[in-house]
C-alpha atoms as a PDB file:
ATOM      1  CA  MET A   1       0.000   0.000   0.000  1.00  0.00           C
ATOM      2  CA  LYS A   2       2.816   2.408   0.892  1.00  0.00           C
ATOM      3  CA  SER A   3       4.677   1.649  -2.339  1.00  0.00           C
ATOM      4  CA  MET A   4       1.547   2.402  -4.372  1.00  0.00           C
ATOM      5  CA  HIS A   5       1.141   5.739  -2.563  1.00  0.00           C
ATOM      6  CA  ARG A   6       4.840   6.548  -3.126  1.00  0.00           C
ATOM      7  CA  GLU A   7       4.514   5.685  -6.850  1.00  0.00           C
ATOM      8  CA  LYS A   8       1.537   8.035  -7.101  1.00  0.00           C
ATOM      9  CA  GLN A   9       3.566  10.852  -5.491  1.00  0.00           C
ATOM     10  CA  ILE A  10       6.473  10.286  -7.882  1.00  0.00           C
ATOM     11  CA  ASN A  11       4.154  10.338 -10.893  1.00  0.00           C
ATOM     12  CA  ASN A  12       2.541  13.551  -9.643  1.00  0.00           C
ATOM     13  CA  SER A  13       5.917  15.257  -9.190  1.00  0.00           C
ATOM     14  CA  ASP A  14       7.038  14.064 -12.635  1.00  0.00           C
ATOM     15  CA  SER A  15       3.904  15.464 -14.248  1.00  0.00           C
ATOM     16  CA  LEU A  16       4.329  18.777 -12.410  1.00  0.00           C
ATOM     17  CA  ASN A  17       7.955  18.959 -13.542  1.00  0.00           C
ATOM     18  CA  CYS A  18       6.902  18.099 -17.102  1.00  0.00           C
ATOM     19  CA  GLU A  19       4.241  20.816 -17.066  1.00  0.00           C
ATOM     20  CA  GLU A  20       6.767  23.329 -15.760  1.00  0.00           C
ATOM     21  CA  VAL A  21       9.253  22.504 -18.530  1.00  0.00           C
ATOM     22  CA  ILE A  22       6.520  22.783 -21.148  1.00  0.00           C
ATOM     23  CA  ARG A  23       5.328  26.104 -19.717  1.00  0.00           C
ATOM     24  CA  ARG A  24       8.894  27.487 -19.737  1.00  0.00           C
ATOM     25  CA  ASN A  25       9.511  26.557 -23.365  1.00  0.00           C
ATOM     26  CA  SER A  26       6.089  26.909 -24.958  1.00  0.00           C
ATOM     27  CA  ASP A  27       6.474  30.488 -26.212  1.00  0.00           C
ATOM     28  CA  THR A  28       9.895  29.845 -27.710  1.00  0.00           C
ATOM     29  CA  VAL A  29       8.760  26.690 -29.496  1.00  0.00           C
ATOM     30  CA  TYR A  30       5.620  28.303 -30.883  1.00  0.00           C
ATOM     31  CA  ARG A  31       7.366  31.476 -32.088  1.00  0.00           C
ATOM     32  CA  LEU A  32      10.115  29.500 -33.790  1.00  0.00           C
ATOM     33  CA  ALA A  33       7.654  27.106 -35.405  1.00  0.00           C
ATOM     34  CA  TYR A  34       5.514  29.995 -36.633  1.00  0.00           C
ATOM     35  CA  ALA A  35       8.549  31.765 -38.051  1.00  0.00           C
ATOM     36  CA  LEU A  36       9.538  28.647 -39.980  1.00  0.00           C
ATOM     37  CA  VAL A  37       6.209  27.287 -41.237  1.00  0.00           C
ATOM     38  CA  ARG A  38       4.425  30.627 -41.685  1.00  0.00           C
ATOM     39  CA  THR A  39       0.896  29.659 -40.637  1.00  0.00           C
ATOM     40  CA  ARG A  40      -0.737  29.355 -37.254  1.00  0.00           C
ATOM     41  CA  ALA A  41      -2.342  25.975 -37.958  1.00  0.00           C
ATOM     42  CA  ASP A  42       0.948  24.422 -39.053  1.00  0.00           C
ATOM     43  CA  ALA A  43       2.779  26.035 -36.124  1.00  0.00           C
ATOM     44  CA  ASP A  44       0.185  24.489 -33.792  1.00  0.00           C
ATOM     45  CA  ASP A  45       0.906  21.067 -35.295  1.00  0.00           C
ATOM     46  CA  ILE A  46       4.671  21.525 -34.898  1.00  0.00           C
ATOM     47  CA  TYR A  47       4.183  22.772 -31.322  1.00  0.00           C
ATOM     48  CA  GLN A  48       2.184  19.682 -30.456  1.00  0.00           C
ATOM     49  CA  GLU A  49       4.738  17.373 -32.095  1.00  0.00           C
ATOM     50  CA  VAL A  50       7.674  18.936 -30.207  1.00  0.00           C
ATOM     51  CA  PHE A  51       6.047  18.530 -26.808  1.00  0.00           C
ATOM     52  CA  LEU A  52       4.829  15.053 -27.671  1.00  0.00           C
ATOM     53  CA  ARG A  53       8.447  14.109 -28.364  1.00  0.00           C
ATOM     54  CA  TYR A  54       9.479  15.671 -25.071  1.00  0.00           C
ATOM     55  CA  VAL A  55       6.885  13.694 -23.119  1.00  0.00           C
ATOM     56  CA  GLN A  56       7.797  10.459 -24.908  1.00  0.00           C
ATOM     57  CA  LYS A  57      11.562  10.810 -24.467  1.00  0.00           C
ATOM     58  CA  THR A  58      11.721  12.798 -21.208  1.00  0.00           C
ATOM     59  CA  PRO A  59      15.355  13.821 -21.707  1.00  0.00           C
ATOM     60  CA  ALA A  60      17.483  14.847 -18.734  1.00  0.00           C
ATOM     61  CA  PHE A  61      18.846  18.351 -19.195  1.00  0.00           C
ATOM     62  CA  GLU A  62      22.196  19.478 -17.834  1.00  0.00           C
ATOM     63  CA  SER A  63      21.226  23.146 -17.623  1.00  0.00           C
ATOM     64  CA  ALA A  64      18.607  25.685 -18.660  1.00  0.00           C
ATOM     65  CA  GLU A  65      20.635  26.440 -21.807  1.00  0.00           C
ATOM     66  CA  HIS A  66      20.738  22.751 -22.690  1.00  0.00           C
ATOM     67  CA  GLU A  67      16.958  22.521 -22.230  1.00  0.00           C
ATOM     68  CA  ARG A  68      16.315  25.565 -24.428  1.00  0.00           C
ATOM     69  CA  ALA A  69      18.728  24.331 -27.111  1.00  0.00           C
ATOM     70  CA  TRP A  70      17.063  20.891 -27.122  1.00  0.00           C
ATOM     71  CA  PHE A  71      13.621  22.399 -27.686  1.00  0.00           C
ATOM     72  CA  MET A  72      14.894  24.694 -30.454  1.00  0.00           C
ATOM     73  CA  ARG A  73      16.731  21.859 -32.204  1.00  0.00           C
ATOM     74  CA  VAL A  74      13.677  19.583 -32.040  1.00  0.00           C
ATOM     75  CA  THR A  75      11.447  22.418 -33.313  1.00  0.00           C
ATOM     76  CA  ILE A  76      13.756  23.046 -36.259  1.00  0.00           C
ATOM     77  CA  ASN A  77      13.863  19.306 -37.046  1.00  0.00           C
ATOM     78  CA  CYS A  78      10.067  19.033 -36.877  1.00  0.00           C
ATOM     79  CA  CYS A  79       9.768  22.018 -39.223  1.00  0.00           C
ATOM     80  CA  LYS A  80      12.183  20.401 -41.676  1.00  0.00           C
ATOM     81  CA  ASN A  81      10.126  17.205 -41.553  1.00  0.00           C
ATOM     82  CA  PHE A  82       7.000  19.276 -42.145  1.00  0.00           C
ATOM     83  CA  TRP A  83       8.442  20.857 -45.300  1.00  0.00           C
ATOM     84  CA  LYS A  84       9.663  17.479 -46.601  1.00  0.00           C
ATOM     85  CA  SER A  85       6.404  15.631 -45.962  1.00  0.00           C
ATOM     86  CA  PRO A  86       4.599  14.309 -49.053  1.00  0.00           C
ATOM     87  CA  TRP A  87       1.353  15.813 -47.792  1.00  0.00           C
ATOM     88  CA  ARG A  88       2.938  19.266 -47.672  1.00  0.00           C
ATOM     89  CA  GLN A  89       4.460  18.893 -51.111  1.00  0.00           C
ATOM     90  CA  ARG A  90       1.107  17.916 -52.638  1.00  0.00           C
ATOM     91  CA  ARG A  91      -0.924  20.520 -50.797  1.00  0.00           C
ATOM     92  CA  SER A  92      -2.157  23.141 -53.186  1.00  0.00           C
ATOM     93  CA  ALA A  93      -3.934  25.424 -50.743  1.00  0.00           C
ATOM     94  CA  TYR A  94      -3.387  29.117 -51.186  1.00  0.00           C
ATOM     95  CA  GLU A  95      -0.671  30.508 -48.945  1.00  0.00           C
ATOM     96  CA  GLY A  96      -1.118  34.147 -49.824  1.00  0.00           C
ATOM     97  CA  GLY A  97       0.663  37.281 -48.763  1.00  0.00           C
ATOM     98  CA  ALA A  98      -1.655  38.472 -45.983  1.00  0.00           C
ATOM     99  CA  LEU A  99      -1.008  37.551 -42.395  1.00  0.00           C
ATOM    100  CA  GLU A 100      -3.262  34.837 -41.108  1.00  0.00           C
ATOM    101  CA  GLY A 101      -5.325  36.395 -38.352  1.00  0.00           C
ATOM    102  CA  GLU A 102      -4.062  39.119 -36.078  1.00  0.00           C
ATOM    103  CA  LEU A 103      -0.937  39.152 -34.011  1.00  0.00           C
ATOM    104  CA  PRO A 104      -1.416  38.233 -30.348  1.00  0.00           C
ATOM    105  CA  GLY A 105      -2.531  41.263 -28.362  1.00  0.00           C
ATOM    106  CA  ASP A 106      -3.017  43.286 -31.530  1.00  0.00           C
ATOM    107  CA  ASN A 107      -6.262  45.256 -31.481  1.00  0.00           C
ATOM    108  CA  SER A 108      -5.148  48.457 -33.175  1.00  0.00           C
ATOM    109  CA  PHE A 109      -4.386  49.466 -36.716  1.00  0.00           C
ATOM    110  CA  SER A 110      -1.638  51.911 -35.872  1.00  0.00           C
ATOM    111  CA  GLU A 111       1.258  52.643 -38.159  1.00  0.00           C
ATOM    112  CA  ASP A 112       3.662  50.699 -35.925  1.00  0.00           C
ATOM    113  CA  VAL A 113       1.509  47.581 -36.156  1.00  0.00           C
ATOM    114  CA  ASP A 114       1.360  47.874 -39.951  1.00  0.00           C
ATOM    115  CA  GLU A 115       5.142  48.203 -40.076  1.00  0.00           C
ATOM    116  CA  ASP A 116       5.576  45.200 -37.775  1.00  0.00           C
ATOM    117  CA  ARG A 117       3.225  43.145 -39.944  1.00  0.00           C
ATOM    118  CA  LEU A 118       5.114  44.168 -43.062  1.00  0.00           C
ATOM    119  CA  LEU A 119       8.389  43.176 -41.416  1.00  0.00           C
ATOM    120  CA  ILE A 120       6.991  39.803 -40.300  1.00  0.00           C
ATOM    121  CA  GLU A 121       5.607  39.103 -43.758  1.00  0.00           C
ATOM    122  CA  THR A 122       8.904  40.074 -45.345  1.00  0.00           C
ATOM    123  CA  VAL A 123      10.901  37.839 -42.986  1.00  0.00           C
ATOM    124  CA  LYS A 124       8.519  34.993 -43.862  1.00  0.00           C
ATOM    125  CA  GLN A 125       9.532  35.386 -47.514  1.00  0.00           C
ATOM    126  CA  LEU A 126      13.192  34.697 -46.768  1.00  0.00           C
ATOM    127  CA  PRO A 127      14.560  31.201 -47.421  1.00  0.00           C
ATOM    128  CA  GLU A 128      14.396  28.912 -44.371  1.00  0.00           C
ATOM    129  CA  LYS A 129      18.110  29.052 -43.581  1.00  0.00           C
ATOM    130  CA  TYR A 130      17.864  32.848 -43.318  1.00  0.00           C
ATOM    131  CA  ARG A 131      14.564  32.857 -41.392  1.00  0.00           C
ATOM    132  CA  VAL A 132      16.055  30.522 -38.782  1.00  0.00           C
ATOM    133  CA  VAL A 133      19.099  32.675 -38.047  1.00  0.00           C
ATOM    134  CA  ILE A 134      17.081  35.918 -38.081  1.00  0.00           C
ATOM    135  CA  HIS A 135      14.551  34.469 -35.664  1.00  0.00           C
ATOM    136  CA  LEU A 136      17.118  32.967 -33.299  1.00  0.00           C
ATOM    137  CA  PHE A 137      19.340  36.065 -33.331  1.00  0.00           C
ATOM    138  CA  TYR A 138      16.741  38.836 -33.051  1.00  0.00           C
ATOM    139  CA  TYR A 139      13.697  37.243 -31.446  1.00  0.00           C
ATOM    140  CA  GLU A 140      15.323  34.640 -29.188  1.00  0.00           C
ATOM    141  CA  GLU A 141      18.406  36.849 -28.649  1.00  0.00           C
ATOM    142  CA  LEU A 142      20.898  34.013 -28.981  1.00  0.00           C
ATOM    143  CA  SER A 143      24.563  34.563 -29.745  1.00  0.00           C
ATOM    144  CA  VAL A 144      26.106  33.484 -33.032  1.00  0.00           C
ATOM    145  CA  GLU A 145      27.866  30.630 -31.240  1.00  0.00           C
ATOM    146  CA  GLU A 146      24.631  29.386 -29.661  1.00  0.00           C
ATOM    147  CA  ILE A 147      22.864  29.539 -33.020  1.00  0.00           C
ATOM    148  CA  GLY A 148      25.729  27.550 -34.517  1.00  0.00           C
ATOM    149  CA  LYS A 149      25.280  24.794 -31.938  1.00  0.00           C
ATOM    150  CA  ILE A 150      21.525  24.652 -32.458  1.00  0.00           C
ATOM    151  CA  THR A 151      21.708  24.637 -36.263  1.00  0.00           C
ATOM    152  CA  LYS A 152      24.828  22.457 -36.313  1.00  0.00           C
ATOM    153  CA  SER A 153      26.698  25.107 -38.291  1.00  0.00           C
ATOM    154  CA  LYS A 154      29.955  26.943 -37.789  1.00  0.00           C
ATOM    155  CA  ALA A 155      29.793  30.414 -36.233  1.00  0.00           C
ATOM    156  CA  SER A 156      31.215  31.887 -39.448  1.00  0.00           C
ATOM    157  CA  THR A 157      28.383  30.265 -41.424  1.00  0.00           C
ATOM    158  CA  VAL A 158      25.838  31.779 -39.045  1.00  0.00           C
ATOM    159  CA  ARG A 159      27.421  35.231 -39.419  1.00  0.00           C
ATOM    160  CA  THR A 160      27.387  34.882 -43.209  1.00  0.00           C
ATOM    161  CA  ARG A 161      23.734  33.834 -43.184  1.00  0.00           C
ATOM    162  CA  LEU A 162      22.845  36.769 -40.933  1.00  0.00           C
ATOM    163  CA  THR A 163      24.609  39.185 -43.277  1.00  0.00           C
ATOM    164  CA  ARG A 164      22.917  37.719 -46.342  1.00  0.00           C
ATOM    165  CA  ALA A 165      19.546  37.616 -44.598  1.00  0.00           C
ATOM    166  CA  ARG A 166      19.826  41.281 -43.632  1.00  0.00           C
ATOM    167  CA  ARG A 167      20.785  42.211 -47.194  1.00  0.00           C
ATOM    168  CA  GLU A 168      17.903  40.184 -48.632  1.00  0.00           C
ATOM    169  CA  LEU A 169      15.497  41.631 -46.073  1.00  0.00           C
ATOM    170  CA  LYS A 170      16.580  45.161 -46.956  1.00  0.00           C
ATOM    171  CA  ASN A 171      16.095  44.469 -50.673  1.00  0.00           C
ATOM    172  CA  LEU A 172      12.624  43.012 -50.103  1.00  0.00           C
ATOM    173  CA  LEU A 173      11.609  45.928 -47.880  1.00  0.00           C
ATOM    174  CA  ASP A 174      12.888  48.445 -50.445  1.00  0.00           C
ATOM    175  CA  LYS A 175      10.775  46.749 -53.128  1.00  0.00           C
ATOM    176  CA  LYS A 176       7.663  46.798 -50.929  1.00  0.00           C
ATOM    177  CA  GLY A 177       7.635  50.403 -49.932  1.00  0.00           C
ATOM    178  CA  GLY A 178      10.999  51.918 -49.316  1.00  0.00           C
ATOM    179  CA  ASP A 179       9.444  54.165 -46.665  1.00  0.00           C
ATOM    180  CA  LEU A 180       9.372  51.630 -43.868  1.00  0.00           C
ATOM    181  CA  HIS A 181      10.825  52.775 -40.557  1.00  0.00           C
ATOM    182  CA  VAL A 182      11.362  49.391 -38.933  1.00  0.00           C
ATOM    183  CA  SER A 183      11.695  49.573 -35.191  1.00  0.00           C
ATOM    184  CA  GLY A 184      14.006  47.529 -33.038  1.00  0.00           C
ATOM    185  CA  GLN A 185      17.314  45.804 -33.509  1.00  0.00           C
ATOM    186  CA  ILE A 186      16.732  44.615 -37.073  1.00  0.00           C
ATOM    187  CA  GLN A 187      16.604  48.183 -38.384  1.00  0.00           C
ATOM    188  CA  LYS A 188      19.988  48.896 -36.785  1.00  0.00           C
ATOM    189  CA  SER A 189      21.507  45.951 -38.611  1.00  0.00           C
ATOM    190  CA  ILE A 190      19.922  46.646 -41.985  1.00  0.00           C
END
């Protein structure tokens, strides 16, 4: 009887720990998935797949950085699998230029919001290898070395991709309007 009670306590603490890990990493996983697959529905599927893998494997993390890197790496891998899937390749649904739905917390149509939407849409047009480094560098605020570990690339490759992504982003923004005053760190780098 005591062993059954002890087992129940262990399972409860494991589930609480699991929920805590998921809560800590949920925003990062969703933002990265959305940046890579470009639609909310597909990002939801990737999000679910990442946390399903976590629950199935229950990896032991050495540190908070290791945990974050694991979730980012798994998210990137799930996104790659998504793009390679036969279903995705055969899908002929329209994936137009407008943002799907509104941004979280966005209830205004101010100029800043329009500029942010334009920037997000423009970043979504970049090739995947550029979207990944832009997202990890600017939105997740990771260093070039950390991005290199996550993407399994050299730091010099990451720097080159960032430079090319910025150049491509600037060219796309110039074509779209030229008058855009992008706020934040990306504007400083462009």
